[in-house]
Amino acid sequence: TIPWKTIIVEAIAIVVSILMAFAIDTWWAEKKENDVEHDALLALHGDFMASHEQMARVLSSLEAARTDFAHFQSFTSAELVDIDPETIRRFLTALVKNHTFDPVAATLDALANDGRLGLISDDQLLKQLSNWRRGLDNIEDISFELRTESVRVRRAMERHGGPFHRWRRSLDDLEVLQRADGETMANLRQDANFMGTARSHQYALGVYLAELNSLAEILDS
């Protein structure tokens, strides 16, 4: 007689073992994907925290430059002649400000380049990451305009024979501060062509600042 009972039991055991193997493989694959997603989210969080800190510093720096330029415009020539070195430093910084945001985007770039971005299961987060990436691309274009305007201001300063053509180092360089006196600042303020160039730079700075604030809202979300 054919041992049907034994055959059936063995067939069931084989089917069950195959299904269990598939289930284990599926579980293991999902676990690896979840582990990758978890590691990616931790790395993204670290990058965004670093970017947030840097953005706060840049926003503060740009807003201070806008305020200092407004003060520079409000001073009379007589007042500028008598200003102290610290005020000169602030005014010079404001006139050529090109401090731009350099985000930490290594993790996001790596995920996008090797196709692992799709492992992130949160659709809302993916949308925010996409908005962040577009915002970074947009602000990079604007930062180029700001740097260009800053160079134009520096070149316009050279007509007044100051130390401005030597700005290859920090504005805190003592030799620069010693040669940039109040009389030079007054001459700059009286030069209509220079002030036109300076205002163009401030306009570019304002556009950059507005865009950076928009980007900050994305980052905060």
N, C-alpha and C. Protein backbone atom coordinates (compact mmCIF):
# COMPACT_ATOMS: atom_id res chain seq x y z
N THR A 1 0.83 -1.21 0.00
CA THR A 1 0.00 0.00 0.00
C THR A 1 0.87 1.26 0.00
N ILE A 2 0.31 2.31 -0.58
CA ILE A 2 1.03 3.59 -0.64
C ILE A 2 0.83 4.33 0.68
N PRO A 3 1.92 4.71 1.32
CA PRO A 3 1.81 5.42 2.63
C PRO A 3 1.40 6.88 2.43
N TRP A 4 0.15 7.08 2.05
CA TRP A 4 -0.32 8.43 1.74
C TRP A 4 -0.17 9.40 2.92
N LYS A 5 -0.42 8.86 4.08
CA LYS A 5 -0.33 9.74 5.25
C LYS A 5 1.08 10.30 5.43
N THR A 6 2.06 9.40 5.24
CA THR A 6 3.46 9.84 5.39
C THR A 6 3.83 10.82 4.29
N ILE A 7 3.40 10.51 3.06
CA ILE A 7 3.70 11.40 1.92
C ILE A 7 3.10 12.79 2.13
N ILE A 8 1.85 12.78 2.58
CA ILE A 8 1.17 14.07 2.80
C ILE A 8 1.88 14.88 3.88
N VAL A 9 2.24 14.19 4.97
CA VAL A 9 2.92 14.88 6.08
C VAL A 9 4.25 15.44 5.60
N GLU A 10 4.99 14.64 4.82
CA GLU A 10 6.29 15.11 4.33
C GLU A 10 6.12 16.27 3.35
N ALA A 11 5.07 16.18 2.51
CA ALA A 11 4.83 17.27 1.54
C ALA A 11 4.48 18.56 2.27
N ILE A 12 3.64 18.39 3.29
CA ILE A 12 3.27 19.58 4.08
C ILE A 12 4.52 20.17 4.74
N ALA A 13 5.37 19.30 5.27
CA ALA A 13 6.58 19.76 5.94
C ALA A 13 7.49 20.52 4.96
N ILE A 14 7.58 20.00 3.73
CA ILE A 14 8.41 20.66 2.71
C ILE A 14 7.85 22.03 2.36
N VAL A 15 6.53 22.09 2.15
CA VAL A 15 5.88 23.36 1.81
C VAL A 15 6.06 24.37 2.93
N VAL A 16 5.84 23.89 4.17
CA VAL A 16 5.99 24.78 5.32
C VAL A 16 7.41 25.29 5.44
N SER A 17 8.38 24.40 5.22
CA SER A 17 9.78 24.82 5.33
C SER A 17 10.14 25.85 4.25
N ILE A 18 9.59 25.65 3.03
CA ILE A 18 9.83 26.62 1.96
C ILE A 18 9.22 27.97 2.30
N LEU A 19 7.97 27.94 2.79
CA LEU A 19 7.30 29.18 3.16
C LEU A 19 8.04 29.89 4.30
N MET A 20 8.53 29.10 5.24
CA MET A 20 9.29 29.67 6.35
C MET A 20 10.59 30.31 5.85
N ALA A 21 11.22 29.66 4.89
CA ALA A 21 12.47 30.20 4.33
C ALA A 21 12.20 31.53 3.63
N PHE A 22 11.09 31.57 2.85
CA PHE A 22 10.73 32.81 2.20
C PHE A 22 10.42 33.91 3.23
N ALA A 23 9.71 33.51 4.28
CA ALA A 23 9.34 34.48 5.32
C ALA A 23 10.58 35.02 6.02
N ILE A 24 11.53 34.13 6.29
CA ILE A 24 12.78 34.56 6.95
C ILE A 24 13.58 35.48 6.04
N ASP A 25 13.64 35.11 4.74
CA ASP A 25 14.36 35.97 3.79
C ASP A 25 13.72 37.35 3.70
N THR A 26 12.38 37.33 3.65
CA THR A 26 11.66 38.61 3.57
C THR A 26 11.90 39.44 4.82
N TRP A 27 11.81 38.77 5.97
CA TRP A 27 12.04 39.47 7.25
C TRP A 27 13.45 40.04 7.31
N TRP A 28 14.42 39.24 6.88
CA TRP A 28 15.81 39.69 6.93
C TRP A 28 16.05 40.88 5.99
N ALA A 29 15.45 40.81 4.80
CA ALA A 29 15.60 41.92 3.85
C ALA A 29 14.97 43.20 4.40
N GLU A 30 13.77 43.04 4.99
CA GLU A 30 13.11 44.20 5.56
C GLU A 30 13.90 44.75 6.74
N LYS A 31 14.49 43.85 7.54
CA LYS A 31 15.29 44.29 8.68
C LYS A 31 16.50 45.09 8.20
N LYS A 32 17.16 44.59 7.14
CA LYS A 32 18.32 45.31 6.63
C LYS A 32 17.91 46.68 6.09
N GLU A 33 16.77 46.73 5.39
CA GLU A 33 16.30 48.02 4.88
C GLU A 33 15.95 48.97 6.03
N ASN A 34 15.32 48.42 7.06
CA ASN A 34 14.97 49.26 8.21
C ASN A 34 16.23 49.77 8.93
N ASP A 35 17.24 48.89 9.00
CA ASP A 35 18.50 49.30 9.63
C ASP A 35 19.16 50.42 8.81
N VAL A 36 19.14 50.27 7.49
CA VAL A 36 19.71 51.29 6.62
C VAL A 36 18.95 52.60 6.77
N GLU A 37 17.60 52.51 6.80
CA GLU A 37 16.79 53.70 6.96
C GLU A 37 17.08 54.38 8.30
N HIS A 38 17.19 53.56 9.35
CA HIS A 38 17.47 54.11 10.68
C HIS A 38 18.81 54.84 10.70
N ASP A 39 19.83 54.20 10.13
CA ASP A 39 21.16 54.83 10.09
C ASP A 39 21.13 56.11 9.25
N ALA A 40 20.40 56.07 8.14
CA ALA A 40 20.30 57.25 7.27
C ALA A 40 19.62 58.40 8.00
N LEU A 41 18.55 58.09 8.73
CA LEU A 41 17.83 59.14 9.45
C LEU A 41 18.70 59.75 10.55
N LEU A 42 19.49 58.92 11.23
CA LEU A 42 20.39 59.45 12.25
C LEU A 42 21.43 60.37 11.62
N ALA A 43 21.98 59.94 10.48
CA ALA A 43 23.00 60.76 9.80
C ALA A 43 22.39 62.07 9.29
N LEU A 44 21.18 61.99 8.74
CA LEU A 44 20.50 63.20 8.27
C LEU A 44 20.24 64.17 9.43
N HIS A 45 19.83 63.61 10.55
CA HIS A 45 19.57 64.45 11.72
C HIS A 45 20.84 65.19 12.14
N GLY A 46 21.98 64.47 12.15
CA GLY A 46 23.24 65.11 12.49
C GLY A 46 23.61 66.22 11.52
N ASP A 47 23.41 65.96 10.23
CA ASP A 47 23.71 66.98 9.21
C ASP A 47 22.82 68.21 9.37
N PHE A 48 21.53 67.96 9.62
CA PHE A 48 20.60 69.08 9.74
C PHE A 48 20.86 69.91 11.00
N MET A 49 21.27 69.26 12.08
CA MET A 49 21.60 70.00 13.29
C MET A 49 22.81 70.90 13.05
N ALA A 50 23.82 70.37 12.36
CA ALA A 50 25.01 71.17 12.04
C ALA A 50 24.64 72.32 11.10
N SER A 51 23.78 72.04 10.12
CA SER A 51 23.35 73.09 9.20
C SER A 51 22.55 74.16 9.93
N HIS A 52 21.73 73.74 10.87
CA HIS A 52 20.90 74.68 11.62
C HIS A 52 21.78 75.64 12.42
N GLU A 53 22.81 75.13 13.06
CA GLU A 53 23.71 75.97 13.84
C GLU A 53 24.44 76.97 12.94
N GLN A 54 24.90 76.47 11.78
CA GLN A 54 25.61 77.36 10.87
C GLN A 54 24.68 78.42 10.31
N MET A 55 23.45 78.02 9.97
CA MET A 55 22.50 78.97 9.41
C MET A 55 22.20 80.09 10.41
N ALA A 56 22.08 79.75 11.68
CA ALA A 56 21.81 80.76 12.70
C ALA A 56 22.95 81.79 12.73
N ARG A 57 24.18 81.31 12.61
CA ARG A 57 25.32 82.23 12.61
C ARG A 57 25.31 83.13 11.37
N VAL A 58 25.01 82.54 10.22
CA VAL A 58 25.02 83.31 8.97
C VAL A 58 23.90 84.35 8.98
N LEU A 59 22.71 83.95 9.42
CA LEU A 59 21.59 84.90 9.48
C LEU A 59 21.93 86.07 10.39
N SER A 60 22.51 85.78 11.55
CA SER A 60 22.88 86.84 12.48
C SER A 60 23.91 87.77 11.86
N SER A 61 24.88 87.19 11.16
CA SER A 61 25.93 87.97 10.52
C SER A 61 25.38 88.88 9.43
N LEU A 62 24.48 88.35 8.61
CA LEU A 62 23.92 89.14 7.51
C LEU A 62 23.00 90.25 8.02
N GLU A 63 22.21 89.92 9.03
CA GLU A 63 21.31 90.94 9.59
C GLU A 63 22.11 92.07 10.24
N ALA A 64 23.23 91.71 10.90
CA ALA A 64 24.08 92.74 11.50
C ALA A 64 24.69 93.63 10.42
N ALA A 65 25.06 93.02 9.29
CA ALA A 65 25.62 93.80 8.19
C ALA A 65 24.61 94.79 7.63
N ARG A 66 23.37 94.36 7.50
CA ARG A 66 22.31 95.26 7.02
C ARG A 66 22.14 96.45 7.97
N THR A 67 22.15 96.16 9.27
CA THR A 67 22.01 97.23 10.26
C THR A 67 23.20 98.19 10.21
N ASP A 68 24.41 97.63 10.12
CA ASP A 68 25.61 98.48 10.09
C ASP A 68 25.66 99.34 8.83
N PHE A 69 25.21 98.81 7.70
CA PHE A 69 25.19 99.62 6.48
C PHE A 69 24.21 100.78 6.61
N ALA A 70 23.07 100.51 7.23
CA ALA A 70 22.09 101.58 7.45
C ALA A 70 22.70 102.68 8.33
N HIS A 71 23.46 102.27 9.34
CA HIS A 71 24.12 103.25 10.19
C HIS A 71 25.17 104.05 9.40
N PHE A 72 25.91 103.36 8.56
CA PHE A 72 26.92 104.02 7.73
C PHE A 72 26.28 105.10 6.86
N GLN A 73 25.14 104.77 6.27
CA GLN A 73 24.45 105.74 5.43
C GLN A 73 23.93 106.93 6.22
N SER A 74 23.61 106.72 7.48
CA SER A 74 23.00 107.79 8.28
C SER A 74 24.05 108.76 8.85
N PHE A 75 25.32 108.36 8.83
CA PHE A 75 26.36 109.22 9.39
C PHE A 75 26.68 110.37 8.43
N THR A 76 26.98 111.54 9.00
CA THR A 76 27.48 112.65 8.19
C THR A 76 28.98 112.46 7.98
N SER A 77 29.54 113.20 7.03
CA SER A 77 30.97 113.10 6.76
C SER A 77 31.78 113.47 8.00
N ALA A 78 31.33 114.51 8.71
CA ALA A 78 32.04 114.92 9.92
C ALA A 78 32.01 113.82 10.98
N GLU A 79 30.90 113.13 11.09
CA GLU A 79 30.80 112.04 12.07
C GLU A 79 31.69 110.87 11.68
N LEU A 80 31.76 110.59 10.39
CA LEU A 80 32.58 109.47 9.93
C LEU A 80 34.07 109.72 10.17
N VAL A 81 34.50 110.95 10.05
CA VAL A 81 35.91 111.27 10.27
C VAL A 81 36.34 110.88 11.67
N ASP A 82 35.45 110.98 12.62
CA ASP A 82 35.81 110.76 14.03
C ASP A 82 35.45 109.37 14.56
N ILE A 83 35.01 108.45 13.71
CA ILE A 83 34.60 107.14 14.23
C ILE A 83 35.81 106.32 14.68
N ASP A 84 35.55 105.40 15.60
CA ASP A 84 36.61 104.58 16.18
C ASP A 84 36.90 103.37 15.30
N PRO A 85 38.05 102.70 15.52
CA PRO A 85 38.44 101.55 14.68
C PRO A 85 37.42 100.42 14.67
N GLU A 86 36.75 100.17 15.79
CA GLU A 86 35.76 99.09 15.83
C GLU A 86 34.58 99.41 14.92
N THR A 87 34.13 100.65 14.91
CA THR A 87 33.04 101.04 14.02
C THR A 87 33.48 100.97 12.57
N ILE A 88 34.73 101.36 12.30
CA ILE A 88 35.27 101.24 10.94
C ILE A 88 35.23 99.78 10.50
N ARG A 89 35.64 98.90 11.39
CA ARG A 89 35.65 97.47 11.07
C ARG A 89 34.25 96.98 10.72
N ARG A 90 33.28 97.39 11.53
CA ARG A 90 31.90 96.96 11.28
C ARG A 90 31.38 97.51 9.96
N PHE A 91 31.67 98.77 9.67
CA PHE A 91 31.20 99.37 8.43
C PHE A 91 31.85 98.72 7.21
N LEU A 92 33.15 98.46 7.29
CA LEU A 92 33.84 97.81 6.18
C LEU A 92 33.28 96.41 5.95
N THR A 93 33.02 95.71 7.03
CA THR A 93 32.45 94.36 6.93
C THR A 93 31.09 94.41 6.24
N ALA A 94 30.27 95.37 6.64
CA ALA A 94 28.93 95.49 6.06
C ALA A 94 28.99 95.82 4.58
N LEU A 95 29.96 96.65 4.20
CA LEU A 95 30.05 97.11 2.81
C LEU A 95 30.40 95.99 1.84
N VAL A 96 31.11 94.98 2.30
CA VAL A 96 31.55 93.91 1.38
C VAL A 96 31.05 92.54 1.82
N LYS A 97 30.08 92.47 2.66
CA LYS A 97 29.63 91.22 3.25
C LYS A 97 29.26 90.20 2.19
N ASN A 98 29.89 89.02 2.27
CA ASN A 98 29.52 87.92 1.37
C ASN A 98 29.52 86.59 2.12
N HIS A 99 29.22 86.67 3.41
CA HIS A 99 29.16 85.48 4.26
C HIS A 99 27.95 84.65 3.85
N THR A 100 28.18 83.53 3.20
CA THR A 100 27.07 82.72 2.70
C THR A 100 26.98 81.39 3.43
N PHE A 101 25.84 80.76 3.27
CA PHE A 101 25.51 79.52 3.96
C PHE A 101 26.10 78.32 3.21
N ASP A 102 26.83 77.49 3.94
CA ASP A 102 27.43 76.29 3.35
C ASP A 102 26.90 75.08 4.11
N PRO A 103 25.75 74.54 3.70
CA PRO A 103 25.09 73.49 4.48
C PRO A 103 25.88 72.18 4.49
N VAL A 104 25.62 71.39 5.52
CA VAL A 104 26.17 70.04 5.60
C VAL A 104 25.18 69.12 4.88
N ALA A 105 25.53 68.67 3.69
CA ALA A 105 24.59 67.89 2.88
C ALA A 105 25.20 66.57 2.41
N ALA A 106 26.25 66.11 3.09
CA ALA A 106 26.94 64.89 2.65
C ALA A 106 26.02 63.68 2.65
N THR A 107 25.24 63.52 3.71
CA THR A 107 24.37 62.34 3.80
C THR A 107 23.28 62.37 2.74
N LEU A 108 22.63 63.51 2.58
CA LEU A 108 21.56 63.62 1.59
C LEU A 108 22.10 63.39 0.19
N ASP A 109 23.25 63.94 -0.12
CA ASP A 109 23.86 63.74 -1.44
C ASP A 109 24.19 62.27 -1.67
N ALA A 110 24.74 61.62 -0.64
CA ALA A 110 25.11 60.21 -0.78
C ALA A 110 23.87 59.34 -0.99
N LEU A 111 22.81 59.60 -0.24
CA LEU A 111 21.57 58.83 -0.39
C LEU A 111 20.96 59.02 -1.78
N ALA A 112 21.01 60.24 -2.27
CA ALA A 112 20.44 60.53 -3.59
C ALA A 112 21.28 59.90 -4.70
N ASN A 113 22.59 59.93 -4.53
CA ASN A 113 23.49 59.43 -5.59
C ASN A 113 23.46 57.91 -5.73
N ASP A 114 23.31 57.20 -4.62
CA ASP A 114 23.33 55.72 -4.72
C ASP A 114 21.95 55.09 -4.65
N GLY A 115 20.91 55.91 -4.72
CA GLY A 115 19.55 55.38 -4.81
C GLY A 115 18.94 54.94 -3.50
N ARG A 116 19.58 55.22 -2.38
CA ARG A 116 19.04 54.76 -1.09
C ARG A 116 18.00 55.72 -0.51
N LEU A 117 17.78 56.85 -1.17
CA LEU A 117 16.80 57.80 -0.67
C LEU A 117 15.40 57.18 -0.65
N GLY A 118 15.16 56.25 -1.58
CA GLY A 118 13.87 55.59 -1.65
C GLY A 118 13.58 54.67 -0.49
N LEU A 119 14.61 54.37 0.33
CA LEU A 119 14.40 53.52 1.50
C LEU A 119 13.70 54.27 2.63
N ILE A 120 13.66 55.59 2.54
CA ILE A 120 12.96 56.36 3.57
C ILE A 120 11.46 56.20 3.37
N SER A 121 10.79 55.70 4.37
CA SER A 121 9.38 55.32 4.23
C SER A 121 8.41 56.47 4.50
N ASP A 122 8.89 57.55 5.10
CA ASP A 122 8.03 58.67 5.45
C ASP A 122 7.88 59.60 4.24
N ASP A 123 6.68 59.60 3.63
CA ASP A 123 6.46 60.40 2.43
C ASP A 123 6.60 61.90 2.71
N GLN A 124 6.15 62.34 3.88
CA GLN A 124 6.25 63.75 4.22
C GLN A 124 7.71 64.18 4.34
N LEU A 125 8.52 63.32 4.93
CA LEU A 125 9.94 63.61 5.06
C LEU A 125 10.60 63.67 3.69
N LEU A 126 10.24 62.76 2.81
CA LEU A 126 10.79 62.77 1.46
C LEU A 126 10.45 64.08 0.74
N LYS A 127 9.23 64.55 0.94
CA LYS A 127 8.81 65.81 0.32
C LYS A 127 9.63 66.97 0.87
N GLN A 128 9.85 66.97 2.18
CA GLN A 128 10.64 68.04 2.80
C GLN A 128 12.09 68.00 2.34
N LEU A 129 12.63 66.80 2.18
CA LEU A 129 14.00 66.67 1.69
C LEU A 129 14.12 67.19 0.26
N SER A 130 13.09 66.93 -0.54
CA SER A 130 13.08 67.44 -1.92
C SER A 130 13.03 68.97 -1.93
N ASN A 131 12.19 69.55 -1.06
CA ASN A 131 12.11 71.01 -0.96
C ASN A 131 13.44 71.59 -0.49
N TRP A 132 14.07 70.92 0.45
CA TRP A 132 15.36 71.37 0.96
C TRP A 132 16.41 71.38 -0.14
N ARG A 133 16.43 70.32 -0.94
CA ARG A 133 17.41 70.23 -2.02
C ARG A 133 17.21 71.33 -3.05
N ARG A 134 15.94 71.58 -3.41
CA ARG A 134 15.64 72.66 -4.37
C ARG A 134 16.04 74.02 -3.79
N GLY A 135 15.77 74.20 -2.49
CA GLY A 135 16.13 75.46 -1.85
C GLY A 135 17.63 75.69 -1.85
N LEU A 136 18.40 74.64 -1.63
CA LEU A 136 19.86 74.75 -1.64
C LEU A 136 20.36 75.12 -3.03
N ASP A 137 19.77 74.51 -4.06
CA ASP A 137 20.18 74.83 -5.43
C ASP A 137 19.89 76.29 -5.75
N ASN A 138 18.73 76.76 -5.31
CA ASN A 138 18.33 78.13 -5.59
C ASN A 138 19.23 79.14 -4.88
N ILE A 139 19.54 78.86 -3.62
CA ILE A 139 20.32 79.82 -2.84
C ILE A 139 21.78 79.84 -3.30
N GLU A 140 22.24 78.76 -3.89
CA GLU A 140 23.60 78.74 -4.43
C GLU A 140 23.72 79.73 -5.58
N ASP A 141 22.69 79.79 -6.42
CA ASP A 141 22.70 80.76 -7.52
C ASP A 141 22.70 82.19 -6.99
N ILE A 142 21.91 82.44 -5.96
CA ILE A 142 21.83 83.79 -5.39
C ILE A 142 23.14 84.16 -4.69
N SER A 143 23.79 83.18 -4.06
CA SER A 143 25.05 83.46 -3.37
C SER A 143 26.13 83.90 -4.35
N PHE A 144 26.07 83.39 -5.58
CA PHE A 144 27.02 83.82 -6.60
C PHE A 144 26.84 85.31 -6.90
N GLU A 145 25.59 85.76 -6.97
CA GLU A 145 25.31 87.17 -7.21
C GLU A 145 25.84 88.03 -6.06
N LEU A 146 25.68 87.55 -4.84
CA LEU A 146 26.16 88.30 -3.68
C LEU A 146 27.67 88.43 -3.71
N ARG A 147 28.36 87.34 -4.02
CA ARG A 147 29.82 87.39 -4.09
C ARG A 147 30.28 88.33 -5.21
N THR A 148 29.57 88.32 -6.32
CA THR A 148 29.92 89.20 -7.43
C THR A 148 29.78 90.67 -7.02
N GLU A 149 28.69 91.01 -6.35
CA GLU A 149 28.48 92.38 -5.90
C GLU A 149 29.53 92.79 -4.86
N SER A 150 29.93 91.85 -4.03
CA SER A 150 30.96 92.15 -3.03
C SER A 150 32.28 92.51 -3.71
N VAL A 151 32.63 91.79 -4.76
CA VAL A 151 33.85 92.08 -5.50
C VAL A 151 33.77 93.47 -6.13
N ARG A 152 32.59 93.83 -6.65
CA ARG A 152 32.43 95.15 -7.27
C ARG A 152 32.65 96.27 -6.24
N VAL A 153 32.16 96.06 -5.01
CA VAL A 153 32.36 97.07 -3.97
C VAL A 153 33.85 97.19 -3.63
N ARG A 154 34.52 96.06 -3.49
CA ARG A 154 35.96 96.09 -3.17
C ARG A 154 36.73 96.85 -4.24
N ARG A 155 36.40 96.60 -5.49
CA ARG A 155 37.09 97.30 -6.58
C ARG A 155 36.78 98.79 -6.56
N ALA A 156 35.54 99.14 -6.24
CA ALA A 156 35.18 100.55 -6.17
C ALA A 156 35.94 101.24 -5.04
N MET A 157 36.23 100.53 -3.97
CA MET A 157 36.98 101.10 -2.85
C MET A 157 38.42 101.43 -3.25
N GLU A 158 38.97 100.71 -4.18
CA GLU A 158 40.36 100.91 -4.56
C GLU A 158 40.61 102.31 -5.11
N ARG A 159 39.59 102.93 -5.66
CA ARG A 159 39.76 104.29 -6.20
C ARG A 159 40.13 105.30 -5.12
N HIS A 160 39.88 104.94 -3.87
CA HIS A 160 40.16 105.85 -2.76
C HIS A 160 41.50 105.55 -2.09
N GLY A 161 42.27 104.68 -2.65
CA GLY A 161 43.63 104.43 -2.17
C GLY A 161 43.72 103.86 -0.78
N GLY A 162 42.67 103.24 -0.33
CA GLY A 162 42.72 102.63 0.99
C GLY A 162 43.41 101.27 0.97
N PRO A 163 43.29 100.53 2.02
CA PRO A 163 43.90 99.19 2.08
C PRO A 163 43.04 98.12 1.45
N PHE A 164 41.97 98.57 0.80
CA PHE A 164 40.92 97.64 0.41
C PHE A 164 41.37 96.64 -0.64
N HIS A 165 42.34 97.02 -1.50
CA HIS A 165 42.84 96.09 -2.50
C HIS A 165 43.67 94.99 -1.86
N ARG A 166 44.00 95.13 -0.56
CA ARG A 166 44.81 94.15 0.13
C ARG A 166 43.96 93.18 0.96
N TRP A 167 42.66 93.17 0.73
CA TRP A 167 41.78 92.34 1.54
C TRP A 167 41.87 90.88 1.14
N ARG A 168 43.00 90.29 1.42
CA ARG A 168 43.15 88.85 1.22
C ARG A 168 43.09 88.12 2.55
N ARG A 169 43.04 88.90 3.63
CA ARG A 169 42.95 88.33 4.96
C ARG A 169 41.72 88.87 5.67
N SER A 170 41.60 88.51 6.93
CA SER A 170 40.44 88.93 7.71
C SER A 170 40.44 90.44 7.90
N LEU A 171 39.22 90.99 8.04
CA LEU A 171 39.11 92.42 8.33
C LEU A 171 39.65 92.76 9.72
N ASP A 172 39.89 91.75 10.54
CA ASP A 172 40.47 91.99 11.85
C ASP A 172 41.97 92.21 11.78
N ASP A 173 42.55 92.04 10.59
CA ASP A 173 43.98 92.28 10.41
C ASP A 173 44.31 93.71 10.83
N LEU A 174 45.24 93.87 11.76
CA LEU A 174 45.52 95.19 12.33
C LEU A 174 46.05 96.17 11.29
N GLU A 175 46.84 95.68 10.34
CA GLU A 175 47.39 96.58 9.33
C GLU A 175 46.27 97.19 8.50
N VAL A 176 45.25 96.39 8.20
CA VAL A 176 44.10 96.91 7.45
C VAL A 176 43.38 97.98 8.27
N LEU A 177 43.13 97.69 9.55
CA LEU A 177 42.40 98.63 10.38
C LEU A 177 43.17 99.93 10.58
N GLN A 178 44.47 99.83 10.70
CA GLN A 178 45.27 101.04 10.90
C GLN A 178 45.22 101.97 9.70
N ARG A 179 45.07 101.42 8.51
CA ARG A 179 45.10 102.25 7.31
C ARG A 179 43.71 102.69 6.88
N ALA A 180 42.67 102.04 7.36
CA ALA A 180 41.29 102.44 7.03
C ALA A 180 40.82 103.42 8.10
N ASP A 181 41.07 104.71 7.88
CA ASP A 181 40.70 105.69 8.91
C ASP A 181 39.35 106.33 8.60
N GLY A 182 38.93 107.19 9.52
CA GLY A 182 37.63 107.83 9.38
C GLY A 182 37.53 108.71 8.15
N GLU A 183 38.62 109.36 7.78
CA GLU A 183 38.59 110.22 6.59
C GLU A 183 38.32 109.40 5.33
N THR A 184 38.92 108.23 5.26
CA THR A 184 38.66 107.35 4.12
C THR A 184 37.19 106.96 4.07
N MET A 185 36.62 106.63 5.23
CA MET A 185 35.21 106.26 5.28
C MET A 185 34.32 107.42 4.86
N ALA A 186 34.70 108.64 5.24
CA ALA A 186 33.92 109.81 4.84
C ALA A 186 33.99 110.01 3.33
N ASN A 187 35.17 109.77 2.76
CA ASN A 187 35.32 109.90 1.30
C ASN A 187 34.46 108.87 0.58
N LEU A 188 34.41 107.68 1.11
CA LEU A 188 33.56 106.64 0.51
C LEU A 188 32.10 107.07 0.55
N ARG A 189 31.69 107.62 1.68
CA ARG A 189 30.28 108.00 1.85
C ARG A 189 29.90 109.12 0.89
N GLN A 190 30.85 110.00 0.56
CA GLN A 190 30.57 111.14 -0.32
C GLN A 190 30.63 110.77 -1.80
N ASP A 191 31.16 109.60 -2.11
CA ASP A 191 31.32 109.17 -3.49
C ASP A 191 30.00 108.55 -3.97
N ALA A 192 29.29 109.28 -4.83
CA ALA A 192 27.97 108.81 -5.28
C ALA A 192 28.07 107.51 -6.06
N ASN A 193 29.09 107.36 -6.89
CA ASN A 193 29.24 106.12 -7.66
C ASN A 193 29.52 104.94 -6.74
N PHE A 194 30.37 105.18 -5.75
CA PHE A 194 30.65 104.10 -4.81
C PHE A 194 29.39 103.71 -4.05
N MET A 195 28.63 104.68 -3.58
CA MET A 195 27.43 104.37 -2.81
C MET A 195 26.41 103.64 -3.67
N GLY A 196 26.36 103.95 -4.97
CA GLY A 196 25.45 103.21 -5.85
C GLY A 196 25.85 101.75 -5.92
N THR A 197 27.15 101.51 -6.02
CA THR A 197 27.65 100.13 -6.04
C THR A 197 27.36 99.44 -4.71
N ALA A 198 27.57 100.17 -3.61
CA ALA A 198 27.33 99.60 -2.28
C ALA A 198 25.86 99.25 -2.09
N ARG A 199 24.97 100.10 -2.61
CA ARG A 199 23.53 99.81 -2.46
C ARG A 199 23.12 98.61 -3.31
N SER A 200 23.75 98.43 -4.45
CA SER A 200 23.48 97.23 -5.27
C SER A 200 23.89 95.98 -4.51
N HIS A 201 25.02 96.08 -3.83
CA HIS A 201 25.48 94.95 -3.01
C HIS A 201 24.49 94.68 -1.88
N GLN A 202 24.00 95.73 -1.26
CA GLN A 202 23.06 95.55 -0.16
C GLN A 202 21.73 94.96 -0.66
N TYR A 203 21.34 95.33 -1.88
CA TYR A 203 20.13 94.73 -2.45
C TYR A 203 20.33 93.22 -2.63
N ALA A 204 21.49 92.84 -3.18
CA ALA A 204 21.79 91.41 -3.35
C ALA A 204 21.83 90.70 -2.01
N LEU A 205 22.38 91.40 -1.00
CA LEU A 205 22.42 90.82 0.34
C LEU A 205 21.01 90.62 0.89
N GLY A 206 20.13 91.58 0.63
CA GLY A 206 18.75 91.48 1.09
C GLY A 206 18.01 90.32 0.43
N VAL A 207 18.24 90.14 -0.86
CA VAL A 207 17.62 89.02 -1.58
C VAL A 207 18.12 87.70 -1.02
N TYR A 208 19.42 87.63 -0.79
CA TYR A 208 20.00 86.40 -0.23
C TYR A 208 19.45 86.13 1.16
N LEU A 209 19.35 87.18 1.97
CA LEU A 209 18.84 87.02 3.33
C LEU A 209 17.40 86.53 3.33
N ALA A 210 16.57 87.07 2.44
CA ALA A 210 15.17 86.64 2.35
C ALA A 210 15.08 85.17 1.95
N GLU A 211 15.90 84.78 0.98
CA GLU A 211 15.89 83.38 0.54
C GLU A 211 16.40 82.46 1.64
N LEU A 212 17.38 82.93 2.39
CA LEU A 212 17.92 82.13 3.48
C LEU A 212 16.89 81.95 4.59
N ASN A 213 16.11 82.98 4.85
CA ASN A 213 15.03 82.84 5.84
C ASN A 213 13.99 81.83 5.40
N SER A 214 13.69 81.80 4.10
CA SER A 214 12.77 80.79 3.56
C SER A 214 13.34 79.39 3.74
N LEU A 215 14.63 79.28 3.49
CA LEU A 215 15.29 77.98 3.66
C LEU A 215 15.31 77.57 5.13
N ALA A 216 15.44 78.55 6.01
CA ALA A 216 15.42 78.26 7.45
C ALA A 216 14.08 77.67 7.87
N GLU A 217 12.99 78.15 7.26
CA GLU A 217 11.67 77.60 7.56
C GLU A 217 11.57 76.14 7.16
N ILE A 218 12.17 75.80 6.02
CA ILE A 218 12.18 74.39 5.60
C ILE A 218 12.98 73.56 6.58
N LEU A 219 14.12 74.10 7.00
CA LEU A 219 14.99 73.37 7.92
C LEU A 219 14.30 73.17 9.26
N ASP A 220 13.59 74.19 9.74
CA ASP A 220 12.90 74.08 11.02
C ASP A 220 11.75 73.07 10.98
N SER A 221 11.20 72.87 9.78
CA SER A 221 10.07 71.93 9.66
C SER A 221 10.52 70.49 9.74
